[in-house]
Amino acid sequence: MTDTFVLYHNPRCSKSRAALALLAERGIEPRIVRYLDTPPDVATLHALLAMLGLTPRAVLRTGEEAFRTLGLASPDLDDRALVDAMAAHPELIERPILVRGNRAVIGRPTERLLTLLD
């Protein structure tokens, strides 16, 4: 497994900042992707979902205004529509996401990141 870490990070998010602190305590300096500034495209989102082993609906931030205004709670929306919405509105993506090799984890709670450090 590679020792390269990538952190999808929002510096305004306390959980993202906690993730960085946890990694720093262990001497890990991840490549930072400020995903609100550089949103992942659809292909990257599909790759992240595969690494996470989750569905698009499982990584949607349902408290965001875009979630409501886009009607994303509708069960009629398929995975493609949800991924397209996340690509267009990256604030909808749960954070932080830590990637190591072909594995990824959402850092909520922050301690979940430890599963990728072994």
N, C-alpha and C. Protein backbone atom coordinates (compact mmCIF):
# COMPACT_ATOMS: atom_id res chain seq x y z
N MET A 1 0.86 -1.19 0.00
CA MET A 1 0.00 0.00 0.00
C MET A 1 0.88 1.23 0.00
N THR A 2 0.45 2.22 -0.69
CA THR A 2 1.21 3.46 -0.78
C THR A 2 1.11 4.27 0.51
N ASP A 3 2.13 5.07 0.75
CA ASP A 3 2.11 5.95 1.92
C ASP A 3 1.64 7.35 1.56
N THR A 4 1.11 7.53 0.37
CA THR A 4 0.60 8.82 -0.04
C THR A 4 -0.82 8.99 0.48
N PHE A 5 -1.03 10.09 1.18
CA PHE A 5 -2.35 10.41 1.71
C PHE A 5 -2.89 11.65 1.02
N VAL A 6 -4.18 11.64 0.76
CA VAL A 6 -4.86 12.80 0.18
C VAL A 6 -6.04 13.11 1.11
N LEU A 7 -6.16 14.37 1.50
CA LEU A 7 -7.26 14.78 2.36
C LEU A 7 -8.13 15.78 1.63
N TYR A 8 -9.39 15.40 1.41
CA TYR A 8 -10.38 16.33 0.87
C TYR A 8 -10.84 17.18 2.05
N HIS A 9 -10.48 18.46 1.99
CA HIS A 9 -10.48 19.32 3.16
C HIS A 9 -11.23 20.62 2.93
N ASN A 10 -11.93 21.04 3.98
CA ASN A 10 -12.55 22.35 4.03
C ASN A 10 -12.00 23.03 5.29
N PRO A 11 -11.13 24.03 5.14
CA PRO A 11 -10.50 24.63 6.32
C PRO A 11 -11.48 25.30 7.28
N ARG A 12 -12.70 25.58 6.83
CA ARG A 12 -13.69 26.17 7.72
C ARG A 12 -14.42 25.14 8.58
N CYS A 13 -14.18 23.86 8.30
CA CYS A 13 -14.86 22.76 8.99
C CYS A 13 -14.00 22.26 10.16
N SER A 14 -14.60 22.21 11.34
CA SER A 14 -13.85 21.76 12.52
C SER A 14 -13.41 20.30 12.38
N LYS A 15 -14.21 19.46 11.75
CA LYS A 15 -13.82 18.06 11.57
C LYS A 15 -12.65 17.93 10.61
N SER A 16 -12.61 18.77 9.58
CA SER A 16 -11.47 18.77 8.65
C SER A 16 -10.20 19.23 9.37
N ARG A 17 -10.33 20.26 10.16
CA ARG A 17 -9.17 20.75 10.92
C ARG A 17 -8.70 19.70 11.92
N ALA A 18 -9.64 19.01 12.55
CA ALA A 18 -9.28 17.94 13.48
C ALA A 18 -8.57 16.79 12.75
N ALA A 19 -9.00 16.51 11.54
CA ALA A 19 -8.36 15.46 10.75
C ALA A 19 -6.90 15.84 10.46
N LEU A 20 -6.68 17.07 10.06
CA LEU A 20 -5.31 17.53 9.81
C LEU A 20 -4.46 17.43 11.07
N ALA A 21 -5.02 17.81 12.21
CA ALA A 21 -4.28 17.75 13.47
C ALA A 21 -3.92 16.30 13.82
N LEU A 22 -4.87 15.38 13.65
CA LEU A 22 -4.62 13.98 13.95
C LEU A 22 -3.49 13.44 13.06
N LEU A 23 -3.54 13.77 11.79
CA LEU A 23 -2.50 13.32 10.87
C LEU A 23 -1.15 13.92 11.24
N ALA A 24 -1.13 15.22 11.57
CA ALA A 24 0.12 15.88 11.95
C ALA A 24 0.73 15.25 13.19
N GLU A 25 -0.11 14.87 14.16
CA GLU A 25 0.37 14.19 15.38
C GLU A 25 1.12 12.91 15.05
N ARG A 26 0.76 12.31 13.94
CA ARG A 26 1.39 11.06 13.52
C ARG A 26 2.44 11.26 12.44
N GLY A 27 2.80 12.51 12.20
CA GLY A 27 3.85 12.82 11.24
C GLY A 27 3.45 12.65 9.79
N ILE A 28 2.16 12.69 9.52
CA ILE A 28 1.66 12.51 8.16
C ILE A 28 1.27 13.86 7.59
N GLU A 29 1.85 14.17 6.43
CA GLU A 29 1.51 15.41 5.73
C GLU A 29 0.78 15.04 4.44
N PRO A 30 -0.54 15.05 4.47
CA PRO A 30 -1.29 14.65 3.28
C PRO A 30 -1.26 15.74 2.21
N ARG A 31 -1.49 15.31 0.99
CA ARG A 31 -1.76 16.29 -0.07
C ARG A 31 -3.17 16.79 0.21
N ILE A 32 -3.31 18.10 0.27
CA ILE A 32 -4.59 18.71 0.60
C ILE A 32 -5.34 19.05 -0.68
N VAL A 33 -6.59 18.63 -0.75
CA VAL A 33 -7.48 19.03 -1.83
C VAL A 33 -8.57 19.88 -1.19
N ARG A 34 -8.53 21.17 -1.46
CA ARG A 34 -9.58 22.06 -0.96
C ARG A 34 -10.73 21.95 -1.95
N TYR A 35 -11.58 20.97 -1.71
CA TYR A 35 -12.57 20.56 -2.70
C TYR A 35 -13.63 21.62 -2.99
N LEU A 36 -13.79 22.60 -2.13
CA LEU A 36 -14.72 23.69 -2.45
C LEU A 36 -14.11 24.63 -3.48
N ASP A 37 -12.78 24.75 -3.47
CA ASP A 37 -12.07 25.58 -4.45
C ASP A 37 -11.80 24.83 -5.74
N THR A 38 -11.56 23.54 -5.63
CA THR A 38 -11.28 22.68 -6.78
C THR A 38 -12.17 21.46 -6.68
N PRO A 39 -13.43 21.60 -7.08
CA PRO A 39 -14.38 20.50 -6.91
C PRO A 39 -13.98 19.25 -7.71
N PRO A 40 -14.17 18.08 -7.11
CA PRO A 40 -13.92 16.85 -7.86
C PRO A 40 -14.95 16.70 -8.98
N ASP A 41 -14.48 16.18 -10.11
CA ASP A 41 -15.41 15.96 -11.22
C ASP A 41 -16.17 14.65 -10.98
N VAL A 42 -17.07 14.35 -11.88
CA VAL A 42 -17.93 13.17 -11.73
C VAL A 42 -17.10 11.90 -11.64
N ALA A 43 -16.08 11.77 -12.48
CA ALA A 43 -15.26 10.55 -12.46
C ALA A 43 -14.53 10.41 -11.12
N THR A 44 -14.01 11.50 -10.60
CA THR A 44 -13.33 11.47 -9.31
C THR A 44 -14.30 11.11 -8.19
N LEU A 45 -15.50 11.66 -8.25
CA LEU A 45 -16.51 11.32 -7.24
C LEU A 45 -16.85 9.83 -7.28
N HIS A 46 -17.00 9.28 -8.48
CA HIS A 46 -17.29 7.85 -8.59
C HIS A 46 -16.13 7.03 -8.00
N ALA A 47 -14.89 7.45 -8.27
CA ALA A 47 -13.73 6.74 -7.72
C ALA A 47 -13.72 6.82 -6.20
N LEU A 48 -14.00 8.00 -5.65
CA LEU A 48 -14.05 8.16 -4.19
C LEU A 48 -15.14 7.28 -3.58
N LEU A 49 -16.31 7.27 -4.21
CA LEU A 49 -17.41 6.43 -3.70
C LEU A 49 -17.03 4.95 -3.70
N ALA A 50 -16.34 4.52 -4.74
CA ALA A 50 -15.90 3.12 -4.81
C ALA A 50 -14.91 2.82 -3.69
N MET A 51 -13.97 3.73 -3.45
CA MET A 51 -12.99 3.53 -2.38
C MET A 51 -13.66 3.55 -1.00
N LEU A 52 -14.67 4.40 -0.86
CA LEU A 52 -15.40 4.48 0.41
C LEU A 52 -16.34 3.30 0.60
N GLY A 53 -16.76 2.69 -0.50
CA GLY A 53 -17.75 1.61 -0.42
C GLY A 53 -19.12 2.13 -0.03
N LEU A 54 -19.42 3.36 -0.47
CA LEU A 54 -20.68 4.00 -0.10
C LEU A 54 -21.44 4.45 -1.34
N THR A 55 -22.73 4.67 -1.16
CA THR A 55 -23.56 5.21 -2.23
C THR A 55 -23.49 6.73 -2.20
N PRO A 56 -23.84 7.38 -3.30
CA PRO A 56 -23.87 8.85 -3.29
C PRO A 56 -24.76 9.41 -2.18
N ARG A 57 -25.90 8.80 -1.97
CA ARG A 57 -26.81 9.32 -0.94
C ARG A 57 -26.17 9.28 0.45
N ALA A 58 -25.29 8.32 0.69
CA ALA A 58 -24.64 8.17 2.00
C ALA A 58 -23.62 9.26 2.28
N VAL A 59 -23.15 9.96 1.26
CA VAL A 59 -22.15 11.01 1.48
C VAL A 59 -22.70 12.41 1.25
N LEU A 60 -24.00 12.50 1.07
CA LEU A 60 -24.64 13.81 0.89
C LEU A 60 -24.82 14.52 2.23
N ARG A 61 -24.49 15.78 2.25
CA ARG A 61 -24.73 16.62 3.44
C ARG A 61 -26.16 17.16 3.32
N THR A 62 -27.05 16.53 4.05
CA THR A 62 -28.47 16.85 3.93
C THR A 62 -28.86 18.18 4.57
N GLY A 63 -27.99 18.76 5.35
CA GLY A 63 -28.29 20.04 5.99
C GLY A 63 -27.96 21.25 5.14
N GLU A 64 -27.35 21.02 4.00
CA GLU A 64 -26.97 22.14 3.12
C GLU A 64 -28.19 22.68 2.38
N GLU A 65 -28.19 23.97 2.14
CA GLU A 65 -29.31 24.59 1.43
C GLU A 65 -29.48 23.99 0.03
N ALA A 66 -28.37 23.70 -0.64
CA ALA A 66 -28.44 23.12 -1.98
C ALA A 66 -29.19 21.79 -1.96
N PHE A 67 -29.07 21.04 -0.88
CA PHE A 67 -29.79 19.77 -0.76
C PHE A 67 -31.29 20.01 -0.87
N ARG A 68 -31.75 21.03 -0.16
CA ARG A 68 -33.19 21.35 -0.18
C ARG A 68 -33.62 21.96 -1.51
N THR A 69 -32.87 22.96 -1.97
CA THR A 69 -33.30 23.67 -3.18
C THR A 69 -33.24 22.79 -4.42
N LEU A 70 -32.35 21.81 -4.43
CA LEU A 70 -32.26 20.91 -5.58
C LEU A 70 -33.19 19.70 -5.45
N GLY A 71 -33.89 19.60 -4.33
CA GLY A 71 -34.82 18.50 -4.14
C GLY A 71 -34.14 17.14 -4.05
N LEU A 72 -32.95 17.10 -3.45
CA LEU A 72 -32.18 15.86 -3.43
C LEU A 72 -32.71 14.80 -2.48
N ALA A 73 -33.68 15.14 -1.67
CA ALA A 73 -34.29 14.13 -0.79
C ALA A 73 -35.21 13.19 -1.57
N SER A 74 -35.56 13.57 -2.79
CA SER A 74 -36.48 12.76 -3.59
C SER A 74 -35.92 11.37 -3.84
N PRO A 75 -36.66 10.32 -3.49
CA PRO A 75 -36.21 8.96 -3.76
C PRO A 75 -36.19 8.63 -5.25
N ASP A 76 -36.78 9.49 -6.07
CA ASP A 76 -36.80 9.26 -7.51
C ASP A 76 -35.46 9.56 -8.18
N LEU A 77 -34.57 10.27 -7.47
CA LEU A 77 -33.27 10.62 -8.05
C LEU A 77 -32.34 9.42 -7.98
N ASP A 78 -31.70 9.13 -9.12
CA ASP A 78 -30.76 8.01 -9.14
C ASP A 78 -29.36 8.47 -8.74
N ASP A 79 -28.44 7.52 -8.64
CA ASP A 79 -27.08 7.83 -8.23
C ASP A 79 -26.42 8.85 -9.16
N ARG A 80 -26.68 8.72 -10.44
CA ARG A 80 -26.07 9.64 -11.40
C ARG A 80 -26.48 11.08 -11.11
N ALA A 81 -27.75 11.30 -10.85
CA ALA A 81 -28.24 12.65 -10.55
C ALA A 81 -27.60 13.19 -9.27
N LEU A 82 -27.43 12.33 -8.28
CA LEU A 82 -26.83 12.76 -7.02
C LEU A 82 -25.35 13.11 -7.20
N VAL A 83 -24.62 12.29 -7.96
CA VAL A 83 -23.21 12.58 -8.22
C VAL A 83 -23.08 13.86 -9.03
N ASP A 84 -23.93 14.04 -10.01
CA ASP A 84 -23.91 15.29 -10.79
C ASP A 84 -24.13 16.50 -9.89
N ALA A 85 -25.06 16.36 -8.94
CA ALA A 85 -25.33 17.46 -8.01
C ALA A 85 -24.12 17.75 -7.13
N MET A 86 -23.44 16.71 -6.66
CA MET A 86 -22.25 16.91 -5.83
C MET A 86 -21.11 17.55 -6.63
N ALA A 87 -20.99 17.18 -7.90
CA ALA A 87 -19.94 17.78 -8.73
C ALA A 87 -20.22 19.27 -8.95
N ALA A 88 -21.48 19.62 -9.11
CA ALA A 88 -21.86 21.01 -9.34
C ALA A 88 -21.91 21.82 -8.05
N HIS A 89 -22.14 21.15 -6.93
CA HIS A 89 -22.29 21.81 -5.63
C HIS A 89 -21.45 21.04 -4.61
N PRO A 90 -20.14 21.22 -4.61
CA PRO A 90 -19.27 20.40 -3.75
C PRO A 90 -19.53 20.55 -2.25
N GLU A 91 -20.24 21.60 -1.85
CA GLU A 91 -20.59 21.73 -0.43
C GLU A 91 -21.48 20.58 0.03
N LEU A 92 -22.05 19.84 -0.91
CA LEU A 92 -22.91 18.70 -0.58
C LEU A 92 -22.12 17.45 -0.18
N ILE A 93 -20.82 17.45 -0.40
CA ILE A 93 -19.99 16.27 -0.13
C ILE A 93 -19.60 16.25 1.35
N GLU A 94 -19.86 15.12 1.99
CA GLU A 94 -19.46 14.96 3.39
C GLU A 94 -17.95 15.08 3.49
N ARG A 95 -17.48 15.57 4.61
CA ARG A 95 -16.06 15.82 4.81
C ARG A 95 -15.67 15.52 6.24
N PRO A 96 -14.39 15.38 6.45
CA PRO A 96 -13.29 15.25 5.50
C PRO A 96 -13.22 13.82 4.96
N ILE A 97 -12.61 13.67 3.81
CA ILE A 97 -12.37 12.35 3.24
C ILE A 97 -10.86 12.17 3.13
N LEU A 98 -10.37 11.09 3.73
CA LEU A 98 -8.95 10.75 3.64
C LEU A 98 -8.80 9.56 2.71
N VAL A 99 -7.88 9.69 1.77
CA VAL A 99 -7.60 8.62 0.80
C VAL A 99 -6.16 8.16 1.00
N ARG A 100 -6.00 6.85 0.99
CA ARG A 100 -4.67 6.25 1.00
C ARG A 100 -4.71 5.06 0.05
N GLY A 101 -3.96 5.18 -1.02
CA GLY A 101 -3.98 4.11 -2.02
C GLY A 101 -5.35 3.97 -2.63
N ASN A 102 -5.92 2.77 -2.54
CA ASN A 102 -7.25 2.54 -3.12
C ASN A 102 -8.32 2.44 -2.03
N ARG A 103 -8.01 3.00 -0.86
CA ARG A 103 -8.97 3.01 0.25
C ARG A 103 -9.25 4.45 0.66
N ALA A 104 -10.42 4.66 1.21
CA ALA A 104 -10.80 5.99 1.69
C ALA A 104 -11.74 5.84 2.87
N VAL A 105 -11.81 6.89 3.66
CA VAL A 105 -12.70 6.91 4.81
C VAL A 105 -13.14 8.35 5.06
N ILE A 106 -14.37 8.50 5.52
CA ILE A 106 -14.87 9.81 5.94
C ILE A 106 -14.50 9.97 7.40
N GLY A 107 -13.89 11.09 7.73
CA GLY A 107 -13.41 11.34 9.09
C GLY A 107 -14.46 11.87 10.04
N ARG A 108 -15.56 11.17 10.16
CA ARG A 108 -16.61 11.49 11.12
C ARG A 108 -17.01 10.20 11.81
N PRO A 109 -16.62 10.01 13.04
CA PRO A 109 -15.77 10.89 13.84
C PRO A 109 -14.32 10.83 13.35
N THR A 110 -13.54 11.77 13.81
CA THR A 110 -12.15 11.91 13.35
C THR A 110 -11.37 10.61 13.52
N GLU A 111 -11.65 9.86 14.56
CA GLU A 111 -10.92 8.63 14.85
C GLU A 111 -11.06 7.59 13.74
N ARG A 112 -12.07 7.73 12.91
CA ARG A 112 -12.24 6.78 11.79
C ARG A 112 -11.05 6.83 10.84
N LEU A 113 -10.35 7.96 10.83
CA LEU A 113 -9.17 8.09 9.96
C LEU A 113 -8.10 7.07 10.34
N LEU A 114 -8.08 6.66 11.58
CA LEU A 114 -7.05 5.73 12.06
C LEU A 114 -7.10 4.40 11.30
N THR A 115 -8.24 4.05 10.72
CA THR A 115 -8.35 2.79 9.99
C THR A 115 -7.45 2.76 8.76
N LEU A 116 -7.06 3.93 8.27
CA LEU A 116 -6.16 3.98 7.11
C LEU A 116 -4.69 4.13 7.49
N LEU A 117 -4.42 4.26 8.77
CA LEU A 117 -3.06 4.50 9.21
C LEU A 117 -2.30 3.22 9.53
N ASP A 118 -3.00 2.10 9.58
CA ASP A 118 -2.34 0.81 9.90
C ASP A 118 -1.58 0.27 8.72
